[in-house]
Amino acid sequence: MKALVCTRHGEPELLEWQELPDPVPGKGQVLLRVEAAGVNFPETLIIRNLYQFKPALPFVPGGEAAGVVEAVGEGVSRVRPGDRVIAMTGTGAFAEKLLAAEHQCVPVPEGMPMDLAAGVTMTYGTSHHALKQRAQLKAGETLLVLGAAGGVGLAAVELGKLMGARVIAAASTAEKLELARAHGADEGINYDTEDLKERVKALTGGRGADVIYDPVGDRYAEPAFRSIPWNGRYLVVGFAAGEIPKLPLNLPLIKGAAIVGVFWGAFTMHEPDVHAANMAELVRWFAEGKLRPHICARLPLAEGGRAIRMLMDRKAMGKVILLA
C-alpha cells in the first residue's frame, strides 16, 4: 500500500509518499480500505513533535478516515467485511489501508458520502462533547464561538444552534463570518477589525456570552474572557493562533466563571460509554439532515502535506479531506 510517512519531525513539506507493507488485522482489529481521510489541527502539531501524544518515528499521520472493511481479526463481531465505517485512530489514516480497533469504528450513516463521513468524527465529536458535557449548554443561552469557520468552530456553530443557543460567531474575515452565518450563526464579529470584548457586550445587551468556545487562544483569549458573565463557562479547546494564552486568575474569581478544559481524545478513552452515546446522537442528527459538514478542499492522499499546510496557514474553512 501507499502511505504518507513522517520520517523526521518538521514541516508538512517533509512528509514522504512511500510504499509500505499491507497491514494484517490482529485480535480485535479491523482492516479498512481507506476511501477518504479527514485533516485536523492535531496533525499540524504531531508532525512537529508538539502534540500531547508523540508516536515513534517513522509514523503515518492522520487521525480519522472513512472506508470499507476488508478483513477482521479474531474476536471481532460488530463489523464485517464490506461494512462502511468511520475510524478514529489518532494516527495512520493518511494511507490506502488502515488498522483500527473494533471499538474505534462507527457505521457510516445511510446515504452519507464517504468524503463527508471522513470529516465528522473529530470536529463534531470535539464540539459536541465540549458543549454537552463540559459546558452543559442550555437552550436559550448565548454561545460565542471563536475561530467559527474552522473545523471544530463551524461544528460548534451548528451544534450550538441545534441545542437551542443563540450563537455569535467570531472569525478573522468577512468570508469566514458569512460561512458561519450560513451554518446557523445569529451574529458575527470580525475580531481582527473589531473590539471583541465590546462587540460581545453590545450584541448581548451588556451581559456577555454564557459559554465561550475557544479553539484559537493567543491574543483573543483575554478579551473574550473579559466579556463573560456571572456563571459563564470558558471552553479551552486549542491554540490555533499560536501562543498559549495566560489569563489573570482574578478574572474567573470576580466573575464567578469557570475555565473548562476540553480534551476529546482523552475523554473517549476515560468515558467510552458516554462517547459511544455521543456518537450515536451525532450519527442520528446526520441521518436526519440536521448537521451539514462543509468541505472546503478535497486533495489526493499523496498531497496530505499541502492539506496540513492549509490548516497551519489558517486558510481552511470547515474541513479539508484527502481522497484515496
C-alpha atoms as a PDB file:
ATOM      1  CA  MET A   1       0.000   0.000   0.000  1.00  0.00           C
ATOM      2  CA  LYS A   2       0.969   3.658  -0.359  1.00  0.00           C
ATOM      3  CA  ALA A   3       1.084   5.958   2.663  1.00  0.00           C
ATOM      4  CA  LEU A   4       2.199   9.438   3.654  1.00  0.00           C
ATOM      5  CA  VAL A   5       5.006   8.945   6.160  1.00  0.00           C
ATOM      6  CA  CYS A   6       6.588  11.229   8.745  1.00  0.00           C
ATOM      7  CA  THR A   7      10.231  10.086   8.824  1.00  0.00           C
ATOM      8  CA  ARG A   8      11.515  13.137  10.735  1.00  0.00           C
ATOM      9  CA  HIS A   9       9.787  15.833  12.720  1.00  0.00           C
ATOM     10  CA  GLY A  10       9.262  19.144  11.000  1.00  0.00           C
ATOM     11  CA  GLU A  11       7.155  20.984   8.470  1.00  0.00           C
ATOM     12  CA  PRO A  12       4.491  19.207   6.365  1.00  0.00           C
ATOM     13  CA  GLU A  13       6.626  19.520   3.246  1.00  0.00           C
ATOM     14  CA  LEU A  14       8.940  16.875   4.753  1.00  0.00           C
ATOM     15  CA  LEU A  15       6.280  14.142   4.639  1.00  0.00           C
ATOM     16  CA  GLU A  16       7.095  11.325   2.180  1.00  0.00           C
ATOM     17  CA  TRP A  17       4.758   9.300  -0.060  1.00  0.00           C
ATOM     18  CA  GLN A  18       6.067   5.749   0.362  1.00  0.00           C
ATOM     19  CA  GLU A  19       5.266   2.112  -0.361  1.00  0.00           C
ATOM     20  CA  LEU A  20       4.626   0.170   2.870  1.00  0.00           C
ATOM     21  CA  PRO A  21       3.635  -3.441   3.586  1.00  0.00           C
ATOM     22  CA  ASP A  22      -0.102  -4.084   3.766  1.00  0.00           C
ATOM     23  CA  PRO A  23      -1.201  -4.313   7.416  1.00  0.00           C
ATOM     24  CA  VAL A  24      -2.780  -7.512   8.741  1.00  0.00           C
ATOM     25  CA  PRO A  25      -5.524  -7.329  11.393  1.00  0.00           C
ATOM     26  CA  GLY A  26      -4.759  -8.950  14.721  1.00  0.00           C
ATOM     27  CA  LYS A  27      -7.077  -9.861  17.568  1.00  0.00           C
ATOM     28  CA  GLY A  28      -9.838  -7.269  17.941  1.00  0.00           C
ATOM     29  CA  GLN A  29      -8.667  -5.311  14.888  1.00  0.00           C
ATOM     30  CA  VAL A  30     -10.344  -4.235  11.665  1.00  0.00           C
ATOM     31  CA  LEU A  31      -8.592  -3.589   8.323  1.00  0.00           C
ATOM     32  CA  LEU A  32     -10.087  -0.751   6.280  1.00  0.00           C
ATOM     33  CA  ARG A  33      -9.572   0.161   2.663  1.00  0.00           C
ATOM     34  CA  VAL A  34      -9.450   3.938   3.095  1.00  0.00           C
ATOM     35  CA  GLU A  35     -11.628   5.984   0.769  1.00  0.00           C
ATOM     36  CA  ALA A  36     -11.245   9.366   2.470  1.00  0.00           C
ATOM     37  CA  ALA A  37      -9.376  10.830   5.446  1.00  0.00           C
ATOM     38  CA  GLY A  38     -10.049  13.987   7.421  1.00  0.00           C
ATOM     39  CA  VAL A  39      -7.315  16.524   8.127  1.00  0.00           C
ATOM     40  CA  ASN A  40      -7.376  18.080  11.603  1.00  0.00           C
ATOM     41  CA  PHE A  41      -5.375  20.631  13.568  1.00  0.00           C
ATOM     42  CA  PRO A  42      -3.577  17.991  15.702  1.00  0.00           C
ATOM     43  CA  GLU A  43      -1.793  16.874  12.517  1.00  0.00           C
ATOM     44  CA  THR A  44      -0.075  20.277  12.358  1.00  0.00           C
ATOM     45  CA  LEU A  45       1.381  19.581  15.804  1.00  0.00           C
ATOM     46  CA  ILE A  46       2.050  15.853  15.778  1.00  0.00           C
ATOM     47  CA  ILE A  47       4.358  16.005  12.734  1.00  0.00           C
ATOM     48  CA  ARG A  48       6.440  18.636  14.581  1.00  0.00           C
ATOM     49  CA  ASN A  49       6.506  16.605  17.813  1.00  0.00           C
ATOM     50  CA  LEU A  50       4.442  19.272  19.599  1.00  0.00           C
ATOM     51  CA  TYR A  51       1.321  17.266  20.403  1.00  0.00           C
ATOM     52  CA  GLN A  52       0.330  15.538  23.662  1.00  0.00           C
ATOM     53  CA  PHE A  53       0.767  12.123  22.003  1.00  0.00           C
ATOM     54  CA  LYS A  54       4.184  11.541  20.457  1.00  0.00           C
ATOM     55  CA  PRO A  55       4.303   8.460  18.197  1.00  0.00           C
ATOM     56  CA  ALA A  56       7.708   6.992  17.470  1.00  0.00           C
ATOM     57  CA  LEU A  57       9.269   7.724  14.082  1.00  0.00           C
ATOM     58  CA  PRO A  58       8.516   6.775  11.397  1.00  0.00           C
ATOM     59  CA  PHE A  59       4.719   7.012  11.508  1.00  0.00           C
ATOM     60  CA  VAL A  60       1.766   7.733   9.252  1.00  0.00           C
ATOM     61  CA  PRO A  61      -0.189  10.798  10.409  1.00  0.00           C
ATOM     62  CA  GLY A  62      -3.947  11.182  10.149  1.00  0.00           C
ATOM     63  CA  GLY A  63      -6.436  10.554  12.914  1.00  0.00           C
ATOM     64  CA  GLU A  64      -9.719   9.820  11.140  1.00  0.00           C
ATOM     65  CA  ALA A  65     -10.803   8.025   7.998  1.00  0.00           C
ATOM     66  CA  ALA A  66     -13.815   6.517   6.300  1.00  0.00           C
ATOM     67  CA  GLY A  67     -13.517   3.294   4.370  1.00  0.00           C
ATOM     68  CA  VAL A  68     -14.757  -0.197   3.645  1.00  0.00           C
ATOM     69  CA  VAL A  69     -13.863  -3.113   5.924  1.00  0.00           C
ATOM     70  CA  GLU A  70     -11.607  -5.556   4.058  1.00  0.00           C
ATOM     71  CA  ALA A  71     -10.885  -8.033   6.833  1.00  0.00           C
ATOM     72  CA  VAL A  72     -11.335  -8.509  10.564  1.00  0.00           C
ATOM     73  CA  GLY A  73      -9.203 -10.169  13.216  1.00  0.00           C
ATOM     74  CA  GLU A  74     -10.065 -12.755  15.815  1.00  0.00           C
ATOM     75  CA  GLY A  75     -12.881 -11.801  18.164  1.00  0.00           C
ATOM     76  CA  VAL A  76     -14.361  -9.035  16.019  1.00  0.00           C
ATOM     77  CA  SER A  77     -18.148  -9.381  15.898  1.00  0.00           C
ATOM     78  CA  ARG A  78     -19.619  -5.916  15.486  1.00  0.00           C
ATOM     79  CA  VAL A  79     -18.337  -5.183  11.970  1.00  0.00           C
ATOM     80  CA  ARG A  80     -17.944  -7.389   8.907  1.00  0.00           C
ATOM     81  CA  PRO A  81     -16.073  -7.227   5.585  1.00  0.00           C
ATOM     82  CA  GLY A  82     -17.946  -4.922   3.263  1.00  0.00           C
ATOM     83  CA  ASP A  83     -19.228  -2.592   6.010  1.00  0.00           C
ATOM     84  CA  ARG A  84     -18.736   1.151   5.551  1.00  0.00           C
ATOM     85  CA  VAL A  85     -17.237   2.617   8.716  1.00  0.00           C
ATOM     86  CA  ILE A  86     -15.635   5.714  10.155  1.00  0.00           C
ATOM     87  CA  ALA A  87     -12.481   5.008  12.171  1.00  0.00           C
ATOM     88  CA  MET A  88     -10.855   7.298  14.712  1.00  0.00           C
ATOM     89  CA  THR A  89      -7.309   6.035  15.284  1.00  0.00           C
ATOM     90  CA  GLY A  90      -5.104   9.001  16.206  1.00  0.00           C
ATOM     91  CA  THR A  91      -2.528   8.124  13.534  1.00  0.00           C
ATOM     92  CA  GLY A  92      -2.295   6.001  10.393  1.00  0.00           C
ATOM     93  CA  ALA A  93      -5.192   7.406   8.357  1.00  0.00           C
ATOM     94  CA  PHE A  94      -3.171   9.038   5.562  1.00  0.00           C
ATOM     95  CA  ALA A  95      -2.715   5.678   3.857  1.00  0.00           C
ATOM     96  CA  GLU A  96      -4.517   3.418   1.441  1.00  0.00           C
ATOM     97  CA  LYS A  97      -5.168   0.890   4.224  1.00  0.00           C
ATOM     98  CA  LEU A  98      -5.697   1.385   7.944  1.00  0.00           C
ATOM     99  CA  LEU A  99      -5.809  -0.835  11.011  1.00  0.00           C
ATOM    100  CA  ALA A 100      -8.331   0.154  13.673  1.00  0.00           C
ATOM    101  CA  ALA A 101      -9.562  -1.441  16.865  1.00  0.00           C
ATOM    102  CA  GLU A 102     -13.166  -2.609  16.614  1.00  0.00           C
ATOM    103  CA  HIS A 103     -14.295  -0.065  19.235  1.00  0.00           C
ATOM    104  CA  GLN A 104     -12.810   2.753  17.120  1.00  0.00           C
ATOM    105  CA  CYS A 105     -15.189   2.008  14.236  1.00  0.00           C
ATOM    106  CA  VAL A 106     -18.600   3.665  13.789  1.00  0.00           C
ATOM    107  CA  PRO A 107     -21.014   2.798  10.950  1.00  0.00           C
ATOM    108  CA  VAL A 108     -21.308   5.417   8.214  1.00  0.00           C
ATOM    109  CA  PRO A 109     -24.854   6.823   8.280  1.00  0.00           C
ATOM    110  CA  GLU A 110     -27.083   5.598   5.465  1.00  0.00           C
ATOM    111  CA  GLY A 111     -26.749   7.820   2.414  1.00  0.00           C
ATOM    112  CA  MET A 112     -23.737   9.785   3.695  1.00  0.00           C
ATOM    113  CA  PRO A 113     -20.931  10.120   1.112  1.00  0.00           C
ATOM    114  CA  MET A 114     -17.563   8.836   2.295  1.00  0.00           C
ATOM    115  CA  ASP A 115     -15.839  12.204   1.969  1.00  0.00           C
ATOM    116  CA  LEU A 116     -18.341  13.750   4.388  1.00  0.00           C
ATOM    117  CA  ALA A 117     -18.101  10.741   6.702  1.00  0.00           C
ATOM    118  CA  ALA A 118     -14.323  11.125   6.913  1.00  0.00           C
ATOM    119  CA  GLY A 119     -14.606  14.639   8.279  1.00  0.00           C
ATOM    120  CA  VAL A 120     -17.122  14.370  11.085  1.00  0.00           C
ATOM    121  CA  THR A 121     -15.605  12.356  13.915  1.00  0.00           C
ATOM    122  CA  MET A 122     -13.032  14.689  15.438  1.00  0.00           C
ATOM    123  CA  THR A 123     -14.615  18.061  14.678  1.00  0.00           C
ATOM    124  CA  TYR A 124     -18.190  17.236  15.610  1.00  0.00           C
ATOM    125  CA  GLY A 125     -17.111  14.827  18.353  1.00  0.00           C
ATOM    126  CA  THR A 126     -14.952  17.500  19.994  1.00  0.00           C
ATOM    127  CA  SER A 127     -17.562  20.239  19.762  1.00  0.00           C
ATOM    128  CA  HIS A 128     -20.440  18.003  20.862  1.00  0.00           C
ATOM    129  CA  HIS A 129     -18.541  16.827  23.944  1.00  0.00           C
ATOM    130  CA  ALA A 130     -17.449  20.393  24.690  1.00  0.00           C
ATOM    131  CA  LEU A 131     -20.937  21.866  24.553  1.00  0.00           C
ATOM    132  CA  LYS A 132     -22.864  18.940  26.050  1.00  0.00           C
ATOM    133  CA  GLN A 133     -20.656  17.527  28.807  1.00  0.00           C
ATOM    134  CA  ARG A 134     -18.151  20.275  29.541  1.00  0.00           C
ATOM    135  CA  ALA A 135     -20.263  23.435  29.166  1.00  0.00           C
ATOM    136  CA  GLN A 136     -23.683  21.851  29.753  1.00  0.00           C
ATOM    137  CA  LEU A 137     -25.051  24.374  27.259  1.00  0.00           C
ATOM    138  CA  LYS A 138     -28.741  25.098  27.750  1.00  0.00           C
ATOM    139  CA  ALA A 139     -31.375  26.217  25.287  1.00  0.00           C
ATOM    140  CA  GLY A 140     -31.746  29.990  25.415  1.00  0.00           C
ATOM    141  CA  GLU A 141     -28.143  30.651  26.449  1.00  0.00           C
ATOM    142  CA  THR A 142     -25.711  32.641  24.318  1.00  0.00           C
ATOM    143  CA  LEU A 143     -22.710  30.840  22.814  1.00  0.00           C
ATOM    144  CA  LEU A 144     -19.662  32.718  21.483  1.00  0.00           C
ATOM    145  CA  VAL A 145     -17.545  30.657  19.070  1.00  0.00           C
ATOM    146  CA  LEU A 146     -14.030  31.854  18.259  1.00  0.00           C
ATOM    147  CA  GLY A 147     -12.466  30.532  15.049  1.00  0.00           C
ATOM    148  CA  ALA A 148     -16.030  29.981  13.883  1.00  0.00           C
ATOM    149  CA  ALA A 149     -15.150  28.986  10.305  1.00  0.00           C
ATOM    150  CA  GLY A 150     -12.563  26.352  11.221  1.00  0.00           C
ATOM    151  CA  GLY A 151     -13.320  22.650  11.506  1.00  0.00           C
ATOM    152  CA  VAL A 152     -14.281  22.463  15.191  1.00  0.00           C
ATOM    153  CA  GLY A 153     -15.550  26.045  15.232  1.00  0.00           C
ATOM    154  CA  LEU A 154     -18.055  25.550  12.433  1.00  0.00           C
ATOM    155  CA  ALA A 155     -19.203  22.309  14.068  1.00  0.00           C
ATOM    156  CA  ALA A 156     -19.708  24.229  17.330  1.00  0.00           C
ATOM    157  CA  VAL A 157     -21.812  26.825  15.498  1.00  0.00           C
ATOM    158  CA  GLU A 158     -24.077  24.127  14.047  1.00  0.00           C
ATOM    159  CA  LEU A 159     -24.342  22.140  17.270  1.00  0.00           C
ATOM    160  CA  GLY A 160     -24.910  25.207  19.426  1.00  0.00           C
ATOM    161  CA  LYS A 161     -27.797  26.266  17.214  1.00  0.00           C
ATOM    162  CA  LEU A 162     -29.202  22.728  17.199  1.00  0.00           C
ATOM    163  CA  MET A 163     -29.050  22.708  21.018  1.00  0.00           C
ATOM    164  CA  GLY A 164     -31.115  25.883  21.180  1.00  0.00           C
ATOM    165  CA  ALA A 165     -28.479  28.525  21.867  1.00  0.00           C
ATOM    166  CA  ARG A 166     -28.125  31.976  20.369  1.00  0.00           C
ATOM    167  CA  VAL A 167     -24.799  31.741  18.517  1.00  0.00           C
ATOM    168  CA  ILE A 168     -22.324  34.573  17.988  1.00  0.00           C
ATOM    169  CA  ALA A 169     -19.572  33.659  15.527  1.00  0.00           C
ATOM    170  CA  ALA A 170     -16.154  35.315  15.729  1.00  0.00           C
ATOM    171  CA  ALA A 171     -13.602  34.995  12.923  1.00  0.00           C
ATOM    172  CA  SER A 172     -10.921  36.969  11.076  1.00  0.00           C
ATOM    173  CA  THR A 173     -12.592  37.723   7.713  1.00  0.00           C
ATOM    174  CA  ALA A 174     -15.991  38.629   6.316  1.00  0.00           C
ATOM    175  CA  GLU A 175     -15.921  35.473   4.177  1.00  0.00           C
ATOM    176  CA  LYS A 176     -15.469  33.278   7.233  1.00  0.00           C
ATOM    177  CA  LEU A 177     -18.290  35.033   9.070  1.00  0.00           C
ATOM    178  CA  GLU A 178     -20.584  34.574   6.089  1.00  0.00           C
ATOM    179  CA  LEU A 179     -19.883  30.833   6.155  1.00  0.00           C
ATOM    180  CA  ALA A 180     -20.662  30.714   9.893  1.00  0.00           C
ATOM    181  CA  ARG A 181     -23.952  32.538   9.316  1.00  0.00           C
ATOM    182  CA  ALA A 182     -24.840  30.068   6.570  1.00  0.00           C
ATOM    183  CA  HIS A 183     -24.420  27.292   9.150  1.00  0.00           C
ATOM    184  CA  GLY A 184     -26.631  28.891  11.775  1.00  0.00           C
ATOM    185  CA  ALA A 185     -24.786  31.763  13.493  1.00  0.00           C
ATOM    186  CA  ASP A 186     -27.111  34.580  14.561  1.00  0.00           C
ATOM    187  CA  GLU A 187     -24.433  37.285  14.755  1.00  0.00           C
ATOM    188  CA  GLY A 188     -20.847  37.791  13.631  1.00  0.00           C
ATOM    189  CA  ILE A 189     -17.758  39.578  14.942  1.00  0.00           C
ATOM    190  CA  ASN A 190     -14.583  40.191  12.941  1.00  0.00           C
ATOM    191  CA  TYR A 191     -12.069  40.042  15.772  1.00  0.00           C
ATOM    192  CA  ASP A 192      -9.245  41.339  13.576  1.00  0.00           C
ATOM    193  CA  THR A 193     -11.033  44.624  12.875  1.00  0.00           C
ATOM    194  CA  GLU A 194     -13.447  44.983  15.816  1.00  0.00           C
ATOM    195  CA  ASP A 195     -13.024  45.165  19.595  1.00  0.00           C
ATOM    196  CA  LEU A 196     -14.008  41.624  20.594  1.00  0.00           C
ATOM    197  CA  LYS A 197     -14.961  42.397  24.178  1.00  0.00           C
ATOM    198  CA  GLU A 198     -17.016  45.471  23.327  1.00  0.00           C
ATOM    199  CA  ARG A 199     -18.801  43.815  20.405  1.00  0.00           C
ATOM    200  CA  VAL A 200     -19.807  40.834  22.547  1.00  0.00           C
ATOM    201  CA  LYS A 201     -21.141  43.226  25.178  1.00  0.00           C
ATOM    202  CA  ALA A 202     -23.030  45.220  22.539  1.00  0.00           C
ATOM    203  CA  LEU A 203     -24.610  42.112  20.993  1.00  0.00           C
ATOM    204  CA  THR A 204     -25.736  40.768  24.377  1.00  0.00           C
ATOM    205  CA  GLY A 205     -27.094  43.961  25.929  1.00  0.00           C
ATOM    206  CA  GLY A 206     -24.044  44.235  28.158  1.00  0.00           C
ATOM    207  CA  ARG A 207     -24.417  40.752  29.649  1.00  0.00           C
ATOM    208  CA  GLY A 208     -21.862  38.695  27.696  1.00  0.00           C
ATOM    209  CA  ALA A 209     -21.907  35.148  26.330  1.00  0.00           C
ATOM    210  CA  ASP A 210     -22.819  32.339  28.740  1.00  0.00           C
ATOM    211  CA  VAL A 211     -20.445  29.909  27.005  1.00  0.00           C
ATOM    212  CA  ILE A 212     -17.267  30.792  25.104  1.00  0.00           C
ATOM    213  CA  TYR A 213     -15.841  28.135  22.787  1.00  0.00           C
ATOM    214  CA  ASP A 214     -12.164  28.891  22.127  1.00  0.00           C
ATOM    215  CA  PRO A 215     -10.042  26.750  19.780  1.00  0.00           C
ATOM    216  CA  VAL A 216      -7.896  29.777  18.888  1.00  0.00           C
ATOM    217  CA  GLY A 217      -6.196  31.067  22.042  1.00  0.00           C
ATOM    218  CA  ASP A 218      -3.406  33.646  21.689  1.00  0.00           C
ATOM    219  CA  ARG A 219      -4.400  37.336  21.905  1.00  0.00           C
ATOM    220  CA  TYR A 220      -8.118  36.610  21.528  1.00  0.00           C
ATOM    221  CA  ALA A 221      -8.497  34.723  24.813  1.00  0.00           C
ATOM    222  CA  GLU A 222      -8.317  37.508  27.364  1.00  0.00           C
ATOM    223  CA  PRO A 223     -10.712  39.984  25.685  1.00  0.00           C
ATOM    224  CA  ALA A 224     -13.146  37.131  25.129  1.00  0.00           C
ATOM    225  CA  PHE A 225     -12.954  36.059  28.771  1.00  0.00           C
ATOM    226  CA  ARG A 226     -13.363  39.651  29.969  1.00  0.00           C
ATOM    227  CA  SER A 227     -16.780  39.657  28.278  1.00  0.00           C
ATOM    228  CA  ILE A 228     -18.045  36.586  30.164  1.00  0.00           C
ATOM    229  CA  PRO A 229     -20.954  36.948  32.623  1.00  0.00           C
ATOM    230  CA  TRP A 230     -21.532  35.532  36.087  1.00  0.00           C
ATOM    231  CA  ASN A 231     -21.573  31.702  35.945  1.00  0.00           C
ATOM    232  CA  GLY A 232     -20.127  31.765  32.422  1.00  0.00           C
ATOM    233  CA  ARG A 233     -18.112  28.812  31.105  1.00  0.00           C
ATOM    234  CA  TYR A 234     -14.968  29.311  29.051  1.00  0.00           C
ATOM    235  CA  LEU A 235     -14.041  26.238  27.000  1.00  0.00           C
ATOM    236  CA  VAL A 236     -10.322  25.763  26.324  1.00  0.00           C
ATOM    237  CA  VAL A 237     -10.301  23.732  23.088  1.00  0.00           C
ATOM    238  CA  GLY A 238      -6.981  24.605  21.435  1.00  0.00           C
ATOM    239  CA  PHE A 239      -4.488  27.231  20.371  1.00  0.00           C
ATOM    240  CA  ALA A 240      -4.720  27.504  16.586  1.00  0.00           C
ATOM    241  CA  ALA A 241      -3.495  31.104  16.585  1.00  0.00           C
ATOM    242  CA  GLY A 242      -0.161  30.047  18.076  1.00  0.00           C
ATOM    243  CA  GLU A 243       0.524  31.216  21.617  1.00  0.00           C
ATOM    244  CA  ILE A 244      -0.976  29.528  24.663  1.00  0.00           C
ATOM    245  CA  PRO A 245      -2.627  32.443  26.496  1.00  0.00           C
ATOM    246  CA  LYS A 246      -2.147  33.335  30.144  1.00  0.00           C
ATOM    247  CA  LEU A 247      -5.218  34.690  31.922  1.00  0.00           C
ATOM    248  CA  PRO A 248      -5.124  36.703  35.186  1.00  0.00           C
ATOM    249  CA  LEU A 249      -6.802  34.375  37.683  1.00  0.00           C
ATOM    250  CA  ASN A 250      -8.629  37.250  39.350  1.00  0.00           C
ATOM    251  CA  LEU A 251     -10.927  37.308  36.303  1.00  0.00           C
ATOM    252  CA  PRO A 252     -12.665  33.958  36.905  1.00  0.00           C
ATOM    253  CA  LEU A 253     -12.783  34.822  40.611  1.00  0.00           C
ATOM    254  CA  ILE A 254     -14.616  38.134  40.288  1.00  0.00           C
ATOM    255  CA  LYS A 255     -16.887  36.846  37.526  1.00  0.00           C
ATOM    256  CA  GLY A 256     -17.739  33.541  39.202  1.00  0.00           C
ATOM    257  CA  ALA A 257     -16.848  31.958  35.873  1.00  0.00           C
ATOM    258  CA  ALA A 258     -15.306  28.583  35.047  1.00  0.00           C
ATOM    259  CA  ILE A 259     -12.354  27.798  32.805  1.00  0.00           C
ATOM    260  CA  VAL A 260     -13.075  24.319  31.447  1.00  0.00           C
ATOM    261  CA  GLY A 261     -10.605  22.138  29.565  1.00  0.00           C
ATOM    262  CA  VAL A 262     -11.755  20.116  26.547  1.00  0.00           C
ATOM    263  CA  PHE A 263      -9.588  17.135  25.557  1.00  0.00           C
ATOM    264  CA  TRP A 264     -11.853  14.999  23.429  1.00  0.00           C
ATOM    265  CA  GLY A 265      -9.271  12.287  22.683  1.00  0.00           C
ATOM    266  CA  ALA A 266      -8.705  11.599  26.382  1.00  0.00           C
ATOM    267  CA  PHE A 267     -12.464  11.752  27.026  1.00  0.00           C
ATOM    268  CA  THR A 268     -13.086   8.943  24.524  1.00  0.00           C
ATOM    269  CA  MET A 269     -10.696   6.710  26.481  1.00  0.00           C
ATOM    270  CA  HIS A 270     -11.768   7.679  30.011  1.00  0.00           C
ATOM    271  CA  GLU A 271     -15.523   7.630  29.310  1.00  0.00           C
ATOM    272  CA  PRO A 272     -16.063   5.243  26.377  1.00  0.00           C
ATOM    273  CA  ASP A 273     -19.746   4.651  27.127  1.00  0.00           C
ATOM    274  CA  VAL A 274     -20.536   8.368  27.143  1.00  0.00           C
ATOM    275  CA  HIS A 275     -18.501   8.789  23.959  1.00  0.00           C
ATOM    276  CA  ALA A 276     -20.457   5.993  22.292  1.00  0.00           C
ATOM    277  CA  ALA A 277     -23.744   7.666  23.255  1.00  0.00           C
ATOM    278  CA  ASN A 278     -22.463  10.974  21.874  1.00  0.00           C
ATOM    279  CA  MET A 279     -21.505   9.382  18.567  1.00  0.00           C
ATOM    280  CA  ALA A 280     -24.889   7.664  18.308  1.00  0.00           C
ATOM    281  CA  GLU A 281     -26.578  11.028  18.783  1.00  0.00           C
ATOM    282  CA  LEU A 282     -24.369  12.670  16.153  1.00  0.00           C
ATOM    283  CA  VAL A 283     -24.978   9.868  13.660  1.00  0.00           C
ATOM    284  CA  ARG A 284     -28.719  10.254  14.179  1.00  0.00           C
ATOM    285  CA  TRP A 285     -28.538  14.011  13.608  1.00  0.00           C
ATOM    286  CA  PHE A 286     -26.527  13.485  10.412  1.00  0.00           C
ATOM    287  CA  ALA A 287     -29.041  10.908   9.196  1.00  0.00           C
ATOM    288  CA  GLU A 288     -31.848  13.388   9.895  1.00  0.00           C
ATOM    289  CA  GLY A 289     -30.072  16.120   7.936  1.00  0.00           C
ATOM    290  CA  LYS A 290     -29.675  18.379  10.967  1.00  0.00           C
ATOM    291  CA  LEU A 291     -25.898  18.750  10.516  1.00  0.00           C
ATOM    292  CA  ARG A 292     -24.209  19.833   7.282  1.00  0.00           C
ATOM    293  CA  PRO A 293     -20.415  19.399   7.196  1.00  0.00           C
ATOM    294  CA  HIS A 294     -18.637  21.912   4.983  1.00  0.00           C
ATOM    295  CA  ILE A 295     -15.681  20.699   2.913  1.00  0.00           C
ATOM    296  CA  CYS A 296     -13.524  23.484   1.518  1.00  0.00           C
ATOM    297  CA  ALA A 297     -10.987  21.283  -0.308  1.00  0.00           C
ATOM    298  CA  ARG A 298     -10.533  17.711  -1.478  1.00  0.00           C
ATOM    299  CA  LEU A 299      -6.975  16.600  -2.234  1.00  0.00           C
ATOM    300  CA  PRO A 300      -5.291  13.261  -3.034  1.00  0.00           C
ATOM    301  CA  LEU A 301      -3.783  11.358  -0.102  1.00  0.00           C
ATOM    302  CA  ALA A 302      -0.332  11.987  -1.530  1.00  0.00           C
ATOM    303  CA  GLU A 303      -0.894  15.738  -1.050  1.00  0.00           C
ATOM    304  CA  GLY A 304      -1.560  15.466   2.661  1.00  0.00           C
ATOM    305  CA  GLY A 305       1.349  17.785   3.367  1.00  0.00           C
ATOM    306  CA  ARG A 306      -0.324  20.544   1.355  1.00  0.00           C
ATOM    307  CA  ALA A 307      -3.558  19.954   3.256  1.00  0.00           C
ATOM    308  CA  ILE A 308      -1.783  20.282   6.615  1.00  0.00           C
ATOM    309  CA  ARG A 309      -0.137  23.487   5.396  1.00  0.00           C
ATOM    310  CA  MET A 310      -3.605  24.925   4.647  1.00  0.00           C
ATOM    311  CA  LEU A 311      -4.562  24.415   8.285  1.00  0.00           C
ATOM    312  CA  MET A 312      -1.292  25.830   9.570  1.00  0.00           C
ATOM    313  CA  ASP A 313      -1.759  28.971   7.473  1.00  0.00           C
ATOM    314  CA  ARG A 314      -5.415  29.303   8.622  1.00  0.00           C
ATOM    315  CA  LYS A 315      -6.639  29.097   5.014  1.00  0.00           C
ATOM    316  CA  ALA A 316      -9.074  26.231   5.574  1.00  0.00           C
ATOM    317  CA  MET A 317     -12.757  26.852   6.225  1.00  0.00           C
ATOM    318  CA  GLY A 318     -14.619  23.830   7.528  1.00  0.00           C
ATOM    319  CA  LYS A 319     -12.845  20.601   6.582  1.00  0.00           C
ATOM    320  CA  VAL A 320     -10.048  19.554   4.237  1.00  0.00           C
ATOM    321  CA  ILE A 321     -10.450  15.973   3.035  1.00  0.00           C
ATOM    322  CA  LEU A 322      -7.916  13.604   1.455  1.00  0.00           C
ATOM    323  CA  LEU A 323      -9.185  11.100  -1.093  1.00  0.00           C
ATOM    324  CA  ALA A 324      -7.594   7.709  -1.744  1.00  0.00           C
END
